[in-house]
PDB file of N, CA and C in Angstrom:
ATOM      1  N   MET A   1      10.571 -16.963   3.298  1.00  0.00           N
ATOM      2  CA  MET A   1      11.097 -16.025   2.653  1.00  0.00           C
ATOM      3  C   MET A   1       8.989 -15.221   2.878  1.00  0.00           C
ATOM      4  N   CYS A   2       9.037 -13.465   3.317  1.00  0.00           N
ATOM      5  CA  CYS A   2       8.214 -12.643   3.460  1.00  0.00           C
ATOM      6  C   CYS A   2       8.118 -11.628   2.469  1.00  0.00           C
ATOM      7  N   VAL A   3       7.040 -12.008   1.443  1.00  0.00           N
ATOM      8  CA  VAL A   3       6.857 -11.256   0.584  1.00  0.00           C
ATOM      9  C   VAL A   3       5.642  -9.563   0.659  1.00  0.00           C
ATOM     10  N   GLY A   4       5.975  -8.884   0.723  1.00  0.00           N
ATOM     11  CA  GLY A   4       5.328  -7.450   0.631  1.00  0.00           C
ATOM     12  C   GLY A   4       4.814  -7.277  -0.741  1.00  0.00           C
ATOM     13  N   LEU A   5       3.696  -6.169  -0.843  1.00  0.00           N
ATOM     14  CA  LEU A   5       3.257  -5.893  -2.088  1.00  0.00           C
ATOM     15  C   LEU A   5       2.703  -4.259  -2.281  1.00  0.00           C
ATOM     16  N   PRO A   6       3.180  -3.613  -2.651  1.00  0.00           N
ATOM     17  CA  PRO A   6       2.742  -2.175  -2.824  1.00  0.00           C
ATOM     18  C   PRO A   6       1.354  -1.823  -2.898  1.00  0.00           C
ATOM     19  N   ALA A   7       0.613  -0.920  -2.509  1.00  0.00           N
ATOM     20  CA  ALA A   7      -0.298  -0.981  -2.928  1.00  0.00           C
ATOM     21  C   ALA A   7      -0.961   0.829  -2.372  1.00  0.00           C
ATOM     22  N   ARG A   8      -1.850   1.376  -2.986  1.00  0.00           N
ATOM     23  CA  ARG A   8      -2.571   2.896  -3.102  1.00  0.00           C
ATOM     24  C   ARG A   8      -3.353   2.837  -2.277  1.00  0.00           C
ATOM     25  N   VAL A   9      -3.560   3.846  -0.756  1.00  0.00           N
ATOM     26  CA  VAL A   9      -4.563   3.537  -0.067  1.00  0.00           C
ATOM     27  C   VAL A   9      -5.911   4.542  -0.744  1.00  0.00           C
ATOM     28  N   MET A  10      -6.925   4.194  -0.891  1.00  0.00           N
ATOM     29  CA  MET A  10      -7.923   4.561  -1.872  1.00  0.00           C
ATOM     30  C   MET A  10      -9.283   5.249  -0.265  1.00  0.00           C
ATOM     31  N   ASN A  11      -9.233   4.404   0.713  1.00  0.00           N
ATOM     32  CA  ASN A  11     -10.001   5.199   2.083  1.00  0.00           C
ATOM     33  C   ASN A  11      -9.539   4.649   3.198  1.00  0.00           C
ATOM     34  N   LEU A  12      -9.737   5.550   3.791  1.00  0.00           N
ATOM     35  CA  LEU A  12      -9.733   4.623   5.148  1.00  0.00           C
ATOM     36  C   LEU A  12     -11.089   5.401   6.430  1.00  0.00           C
ATOM     37  N   LYS A  13     -10.864   4.053   6.999  1.00  0.00           N
ATOM     38  CA  LYS A  13     -11.791   4.648   8.448  1.00  0.00           C
ATOM     39  C   LYS A  13     -11.550   3.419   9.756  1.00  0.00           C
ATOM     40  N   ASN A  14     -11.243   3.758  10.603  1.00  0.00           N
ATOM     41  CA  ASN A  14     -11.516   3.010  12.046  1.00  0.00           C
ATOM     42  C   ASN A  14     -10.595   2.151  11.748  1.00  0.00           C
ATOM     43  N   GLY A  15      -9.427   2.505  11.420  1.00  0.00           N
ATOM     44  CA  GLY A  15      -8.334   1.585  11.570  1.00  0.00           C
ATOM     45  C   GLY A  15      -8.113   0.869  10.443  1.00  0.00           C
ATOM     46  N   ARG A  16      -9.071   0.872   9.255  1.00  0.00           N
ATOM     47  CA  ARG A  16      -8.618  -0.188   8.135  1.00  0.00           C
ATOM     48  C   ARG A  16      -8.631   0.879   7.012  1.00  0.00           C
ATOM     49  N   ALA A  17      -8.447   0.342   6.292  1.00  0.00           N
ATOM     50  CA  ALA A  17      -7.755   0.839   4.665  1.00  0.00           C
ATOM     51  C   ALA A  17      -8.336   0.085   3.459  1.00  0.00           C
ATOM     52  N   VAL A  18      -8.920   0.811   2.474  1.00  0.00           N
ATOM     53  CA  VAL A  18      -9.003  -0.165   1.699  1.00  0.00           C
ATOM     54  C   VAL A  18      -8.040   0.414   0.362  1.00  0.00           C
ATOM     55  N   VAL A  19      -7.146  -0.450  -0.357  1.00  0.00           N
ATOM     56  CA  VAL A  19      -6.129  -0.761  -1.317  1.00  0.00           C
ATOM     57  C   VAL A  19      -6.025  -0.684  -2.685  1.00  0.00           C
ATOM     58  N   ASP A  20      -5.495  -0.825  -3.036  1.00  0.00           N
ATOM     59  CA  ASP A  20      -5.670  -0.900  -4.851  1.00  0.00           C
ATOM     60  C   ASP A  20      -4.140  -1.352  -4.855  1.00  0.00           C
ATOM     61  N   ALA A  21      -3.904  -2.456  -5.448  1.00  0.00           N
ATOM     62  CA  ALA A  21      -2.606  -3.052  -5.767  1.00  0.00           C
ATOM     63  C   ALA A  21      -2.654  -3.389  -7.143  1.00  0.00           C
ATOM     64  N   SER A  22      -2.218  -2.953  -8.371  1.00  0.00           N
ATOM     65  CA  SER A  22      -2.425  -3.357  -9.480  1.00  0.00           C
ATOM     66  C   SER A  22      -4.131  -3.443 -10.172  1.00  0.00           C
ATOM     67  N   GLY A  23      -4.859  -2.556  -9.218  1.00  0.00           N
ATOM     68  CA  GLY A  23      -6.663  -3.198 -10.147  1.00  0.00           C
ATOM     69  C   GLY A  23      -7.271  -3.733  -8.954  1.00  0.00           C
ATOM     70  N   ALA A  24      -6.630  -4.686  -8.003  1.00  0.00           N
ATOM     71  CA  ALA A  24      -7.609  -5.500  -6.990  1.00  0.00           C
ATOM     72  C   ALA A  24      -6.979  -4.796  -5.766  1.00  0.00           C
ATOM     73  N   ARG A  25      -8.723  -4.310  -5.651  1.00  0.00           N
ATOM     74  CA  ARG A  25      -9.170  -3.948  -3.989  1.00  0.00           C
ATOM     75  C   ARG A  25      -8.853  -4.532  -3.336  1.00  0.00           C
ATOM     76  N   LYS A  26      -8.809  -4.534  -2.166  1.00  0.00           N
ATOM     77  CA  LYS A  26      -9.009  -4.988  -0.596  1.00  0.00           C
ATOM     78  C   LYS A  26      -9.062  -4.587   0.453  1.00  0.00           C
ATOM     79  N   GLU A  27      -9.371  -4.832   1.457  1.00  0.00           N
ATOM     80  CA  GLU A  27      -9.505  -3.984   2.894  1.00  0.00           C
ATOM     81  C   GLU A  27      -8.059  -4.735   3.624  1.00  0.00           C
ATOM     82  N   ILE A  28      -7.326  -4.031   4.278  1.00  0.00           N
ATOM     83  CA  ILE A  28      -6.421  -4.821   5.430  1.00  0.00           C
ATOM     84  C   ILE A  28      -5.924  -3.495   6.139  1.00  0.00           C
ATOM     85  N   SER A  29      -5.099  -4.128   7.695  1.00  0.00           N
ATOM     86  CA  SER A  29      -5.391  -3.174   8.673  1.00  0.00           C
ATOM     87  C   SER A  29      -4.798  -2.109   8.305  1.00  0.00           C
ATOM     88  N   ALA A  30      -5.058  -1.007   8.942  1.00  0.00           N
ATOM     89  CA  ALA A  30      -3.351   0.617   8.532  1.00  0.00           C
ATOM     90  C   ALA A  30      -3.358   0.805   9.864  1.00  0.00           C
ATOM     91  N   GLU A  31      -4.264  -0.302  11.382  1.00  0.00           N
ATOM     92  CA  GLU A  31      -3.328   0.273  12.974  1.00  0.00           C
ATOM     93  C   GLU A  31      -1.763   0.372  13.105  1.00  0.00           C
ATOM     94  N   LEU A  32      -0.938  -0.135  12.068  1.00  0.00           N
ATOM     95  CA  LEU A  32       0.472  -0.088  12.822  1.00  0.00           C
ATOM     96  C   LEU A  32       1.141   1.228  12.248  1.00  0.00           C
ATOM     97  N   LEU A  33       0.252   2.045  11.732  1.00  0.00           N
ATOM     98  CA  LEU A  33       1.183   2.893  10.179  1.00  0.00           C
ATOM     99  C   LEU A  33       0.331   4.965  10.825  1.00  0.00           C
ATOM    100  N   GLU A  34       0.306   5.726  10.994  1.00  0.00           N
ATOM    101  CA  GLU A  34      -0.239   6.743  11.807  1.00  0.00           C
ATOM    102  C   GLU A  34      -0.175   8.132  10.518  1.00  0.00           C
ATOM    103  N   ASP A  35      -1.245   8.752  10.441  1.00  0.00           N
ATOM    104  CA  ASP A  35      -1.431   9.915   9.349  1.00  0.00           C
ATOM    105  C   ASP A  35      -1.424   9.282   7.767  1.00  0.00           C
ATOM    106  N   LEU A  36      -1.770   8.181   7.617  1.00  0.00           N
ATOM    107  CA  LEU A  36      -2.066   7.814   6.643  1.00  0.00           C
ATOM    108  C   LEU A  36      -3.148   8.152   5.925  1.00  0.00           C
ATOM    109  N   GLU A  37      -2.819   8.420   4.191  1.00  0.00           N
ATOM    110  CA  GLU A  37      -4.484   9.627   3.640  1.00  0.00           C
ATOM    111  C   GLU A  37      -4.621   8.561   2.632  1.00  0.00           C
ATOM    112  N   PRO A  38      -6.148   8.755   2.158  1.00  0.00           N
ATOM    113  CA  PRO A  38      -5.874   8.377   0.957  1.00  0.00           C
ATOM    114  C   PRO A  38      -5.176   8.949  -0.613  1.00  0.00           C
ATOM    115  N   GLY A  39      -4.569   8.155  -1.145  1.00  0.00           N
ATOM    116  CA  GLY A  39      -3.053   8.198  -1.779  1.00  0.00           C
ATOM    117  C   GLY A  39      -1.614   8.545  -1.194  1.00  0.00           C
ATOM    118  N   ASP A  40      -1.966   7.720  -0.882  1.00  0.00           N
ATOM    119  CA  ASP A  40       0.020   7.385   0.035  1.00  0.00           C
ATOM    120  C   ASP A  40      -0.575   5.618  -0.817  1.00  0.00           C
ATOM    121  N   TYR A  41       1.104   5.576  -0.465  1.00  0.00           N
ATOM    122  CA  TYR A  41       1.293   3.981  -0.933  1.00  0.00           C
ATOM    123  C   TYR A  41       1.797   3.296   0.000  1.00  0.00           C
ATOM    124  N   VAL A  42       1.305   2.583   0.167  1.00  0.00           N
ATOM    125  CA  VAL A  42       2.036   0.992   1.681  1.00  0.00           C
ATOM    126  C   VAL A  42       2.341   0.087   1.150  1.00  0.00           C
ATOM    127  N   MET A  43       3.124  -0.564   1.710  1.00  0.00           N
ATOM    128  CA  MET A  43       3.907  -1.522   1.881  1.00  0.00           C
ATOM    129  C   MET A  43       2.693  -2.929   2.547  1.00  0.00           C
ATOM    130  N   VAL A  44       2.075  -3.762   1.774  1.00  0.00           N
ATOM    131  CA  VAL A  44       1.140  -4.522   2.347  1.00  0.00           C
ATOM    132  C   VAL A  44       1.784  -5.850   2.946  1.00  0.00           C
ATOM    133  N   HIS A  45       1.497  -5.882   3.640  1.00  0.00           N
ATOM    134  CA  HIS A  45       2.160  -7.868   4.580  1.00  0.00           C
ATOM    135  C   HIS A  45       0.763  -8.986   5.458  1.00  0.00           C
ATOM    136  N   ALA A  46       0.150  -9.977   4.705  1.00  0.00           N
ATOM    137  CA  ALA A  46      -0.727 -10.528   5.355  1.00  0.00           C
ATOM    138  C   ALA A  46      -1.854  -9.464   6.132  1.00  0.00           C
ATOM    139  N   GLY A  47      -2.004  -8.952   5.036  1.00  0.00           N
ATOM    140  CA  GLY A  47      -3.467  -7.836   5.940  1.00  0.00           C
ATOM    141  C   GLY A  47      -2.778  -6.855   6.393  1.00  0.00           C
ATOM    142  N   VAL A  48      -1.575  -6.150   5.951  1.00  0.00           N
ATOM    143  CA  VAL A  48      -1.411  -5.616   7.092  1.00  0.00           C
ATOM    144  C   VAL A  48      -0.683  -3.999   6.282  1.00  0.00           C
ATOM    145  N   ALA A  49      -0.726  -3.054   6.464  1.00  0.00           N
ATOM    146  CA  ALA A  49       0.022  -1.576   6.149  1.00  0.00           C
ATOM    147  C   ALA A  49       1.095  -2.128   6.761  1.00  0.00           C
ATOM    148  N   ILE A  50       2.037  -2.348   6.467  1.00  0.00           N
ATOM    149  CA  ILE A  50       3.469  -2.055   7.690  1.00  0.00           C
ATOM    150  C   ILE A  50       4.666  -0.888   7.584  1.00  0.00           C
ATOM    151  N   ALA A  51       4.164  -0.314   6.139  1.00  0.00           N
ATOM    152  CA  ALA A  51       5.282   0.576   5.626  1.00  0.00           C
ATOM    153  C   ALA A  51       5.006   1.636   4.400  1.00  0.00           C
ATOM    154  N   ARG A  52       5.023   2.937   5.038  1.00  0.00           N
ATOM    155  CA  ARG A  52       4.969   3.607   4.127  1.00  0.00           C
ATOM    156  C   ARG A  52       5.877   3.676   2.854  1.00  0.00           C
ATOM    157  N   ILE A  53       5.282   4.276   1.658  1.00  0.00           N
ATOM    158  CA  ILE A  53       6.405   4.051   0.507  1.00  0.00           C
ATOM    159  C   ILE A  53       6.663   5.996   0.041  1.00  0.00           C
ATOM    160  N   ARG A  54       7.309   6.606   0.014  1.00  0.00           N
ATOM    161  CA  ARG A  54       7.349   7.567  -0.474  1.00  0.00           C
ATOM    162  C   ARG A  54       8.475   8.008  -0.842  1.00  0.00           C
ATOM    163  N   GLY A  55       8.283   9.402  -1.791  1.00  0.00           N
ATOM    164  CA  GLY A  55       8.980   9.927  -2.734  1.00  0.00           C
ATOM    165  C   GLY A  55      10.062   8.754  -3.857  1.00  0.00           C
ATOM    166  N   ASN A  56      11.010   9.035  -3.768  1.00  0.00           N
ATOM    167  CA  ASN A  56      11.746   8.296  -4.627  1.00  0.00           C
ATOM    168  C   ASN A  56      11.667   7.034  -4.718  1.00  0.00           C
ATOM    169  N   ASP A  57      11.123   6.393  -3.666  1.00  0.00           N
ATOM    170  CA  ASP A  57      10.951   4.984  -3.237  1.00  0.00           C
ATOM    171  C   ASP A  57       9.153   4.198  -4.787  1.00  0.00           C
ATOM    172  N   GLN A  58       8.281   5.480  -4.565  1.00  0.00           N
ATOM    173  CA  GLN A  58       6.728   5.558  -5.223  1.00  0.00           C
ATOM    174  C   GLN A  58       7.583   5.742  -6.748  1.00  0.00           C
ATOM    175  N   ASP A  59       8.396   5.902  -7.325  1.00  0.00           N
ATOM    176  CA  ASP A  59       8.681   6.281  -8.600  1.00  0.00           C
ATOM    177  C   ASP A  59       9.378   5.060  -9.082  1.00  0.00           C
ATOM    178  N   GLN A  60      10.353   4.944  -8.016  1.00  0.00           N
ATOM    179  CA  GLN A  60      10.455   3.331  -8.599  1.00  0.00           C
ATOM    180  C   GLN A  60       9.753   2.122  -8.504  1.00  0.00           C
ATOM    181  N   MET A  61       8.911   2.136  -7.477  1.00  0.00           N
ATOM    182  CA  MET A  61       7.650   1.113  -7.456  1.00  0.00           C
ATOM    183  C   MET A  61       7.059   1.104  -8.810  1.00  0.00           C
ATOM    184  N   ASP A  62       6.785   2.464  -9.206  1.00  0.00           N
ATOM    185  CA  ASP A  62       5.393   2.181 -10.129  1.00  0.00           C
ATOM    186  C   ASP A  62       6.279   1.552 -11.417  1.00  0.00           C
ATOM    187  N   ASP A  63       7.854   2.346 -11.466  1.00  0.00           N
ATOM    188  CA  ASP A  63       8.369   1.673 -12.484  1.00  0.00           C
ATOM    189  C   ASP A  63       8.236  -0.123 -12.730  1.00  0.00           C
ATOM    190  N   LEU A  64       8.883  -0.129 -11.477  1.00  0.00           N
ATOM    191  CA  LEU A  64       8.664  -1.555 -11.385  1.00  0.00           C
ATOM    192  C   LEU A  64       7.488  -2.278 -11.826  1.00  0.00           C
ATOM    193  N   ILE A  65       6.013  -1.959 -11.543  1.00  0.00           N
ATOM    194  CA  ILE A  65       5.400  -2.538 -11.710  1.00  0.00           C
ATOM    195  C   ILE A  65       4.683  -2.538 -13.447  1.00  0.00           C
ATOM    196  N   ASP A  66       5.017  -1.276 -13.955  1.00  0.00           N
ATOM    197  CA  ASP A  66       4.982  -0.708 -15.252  1.00  0.00           C
ATOM    198  C   ASP A  66       5.905  -1.932 -15.654  1.00  0.00           C
ATOM    199  N   ASP A  67       7.243  -2.399 -15.022  1.00  0.00           N
ATOM    200  CA  ASP A  67       7.673  -3.487 -16.290  1.00  0.00           C
ATOM    201  C   ASP A  67       7.159  -4.753 -15.855  1.00  0.00           C
ATOM    202  N   LEU A  68       6.681  -5.249 -14.430  1.00  0.00           N
ATOM    203  CA  LEU A  68       6.035  -6.576 -14.632  1.00  0.00           C
ATOM    204  C   LEU A  68       4.665  -6.156 -15.858  1.00  0.00           C
ATOM    205  N   LEU A  69       4.341  -4.985 -16.014  1.00  0.00           N
ATOM    206  CA  LEU A  69       3.228  -5.926 -16.470  1.00  0.00           C
ATOM    207  C   LEU A  69       2.732  -5.681 -18.148  1.00  0.00           C
TER     208      LEU A  69
END
Protein backbone atom coordinates (compact mmCIF):
# COMPACT_ATOMS: atom_id res chain seq x y z
CA MET A 1 0.00 0.00 0.00
CA CYS A 2 1.21 3.52 -0.81
CA VAL A 3 0.52 6.37 1.54
CA GLY A 4 0.59 10.02 0.53
CA LEU A 5 0.71 12.91 2.95
CA PRO A 6 -0.93 16.27 2.24
CA ALA A 7 1.35 19.24 2.86
CA ARG A 8 1.45 22.98 2.26
CA VAL A 9 4.29 24.44 0.19
CA MET A 10 6.20 27.00 2.24
CA ASN A 11 8.93 27.92 -0.27
CA LEU A 12 10.50 26.72 -3.51
CA LYS A 13 14.01 26.80 -4.92
CA ASN A 14 15.74 24.88 -7.73
CA GLY A 15 13.16 22.08 -8.01
CA ARG A 16 12.98 21.58 -4.23
CA ALA A 17 10.23 22.66 -1.85
CA VAL A 18 9.97 23.05 1.88
CA VAL A 19 6.54 21.80 2.91
CA ASP A 20 4.59 21.88 6.16
CA ALA A 21 2.61 18.76 7.02
CA SER A 22 0.63 19.41 10.20
CA GLY A 23 3.49 21.37 11.74
CA ALA A 24 6.35 19.15 10.54
CA ARG A 25 8.55 20.80 7.91
CA LYS A 26 10.49 18.81 5.36
CA GLU A 27 12.38 19.47 2.15
CA ILE A 28 11.07 17.46 -0.82
CA SER A 29 11.44 17.24 -4.58
CA ALA A 30 8.97 19.39 -6.51
CA GLU A 31 10.29 18.56 -9.97
CA LEU A 32 7.24 16.54 -11.08
CA LEU A 33 4.80 19.46 -10.73
CA GLU A 34 4.85 22.67 -12.72
CA ASP A 35 3.87 26.14 -11.55
CA LEU A 36 3.85 25.41 -7.82
CA GLU A 37 3.76 28.44 -5.57
CA PRO A 38 4.04 28.96 -1.82
CA GLY A 39 0.64 28.30 -0.26
CA ASP A 40 -0.25 25.49 -2.66
CA TYR A 41 -1.13 22.11 -1.18
CA VAL A 42 0.47 18.96 -2.56
CA MET A 43 0.32 15.22 -1.97
CA VAL A 44 3.77 13.95 -0.92
CA HIS A 45 4.98 10.37 -1.30
CA ALA A 46 8.53 9.17 -0.62
CA GLY A 47 9.88 12.72 -0.49
CA VAL A 48 8.32 13.77 -3.80
CA ALA A 49 5.35 16.05 -4.50
CA ILE A 50 3.22 13.82 -6.74
CA ALA A 51 -0.01 15.85 -7.12
CA ARG A 52 -1.41 19.30 -6.46
CA ILE A 53 -4.46 19.47 -4.19
CA ARG A 54 -6.99 22.00 -5.48
CA GLY A 55 -10.17 23.80 -4.43
CA ASN A 56 -12.73 21.55 -2.77
CA ASP A 57 -10.13 18.81 -2.26
CA GLN A 58 -8.16 21.23 -0.09
CA ASP A 59 -11.23 22.00 2.06
CA GLN A 60 -11.91 18.29 2.53
CA MET A 61 -8.27 17.69 3.43
CA ASP A 62 -8.38 20.44 6.09
CA ASP A 63 -11.52 18.87 7.58
CA LEU A 64 -9.92 15.42 7.70
CA ILE A 65 -6.77 16.72 9.38
CA ASP A 66 -8.88 18.60 11.95
CA ASP A 67 -10.80 15.38 12.67
CA LEU A 68 -7.56 13.42 13.13
CA LEU A 69 -6.05 15.97 15.52
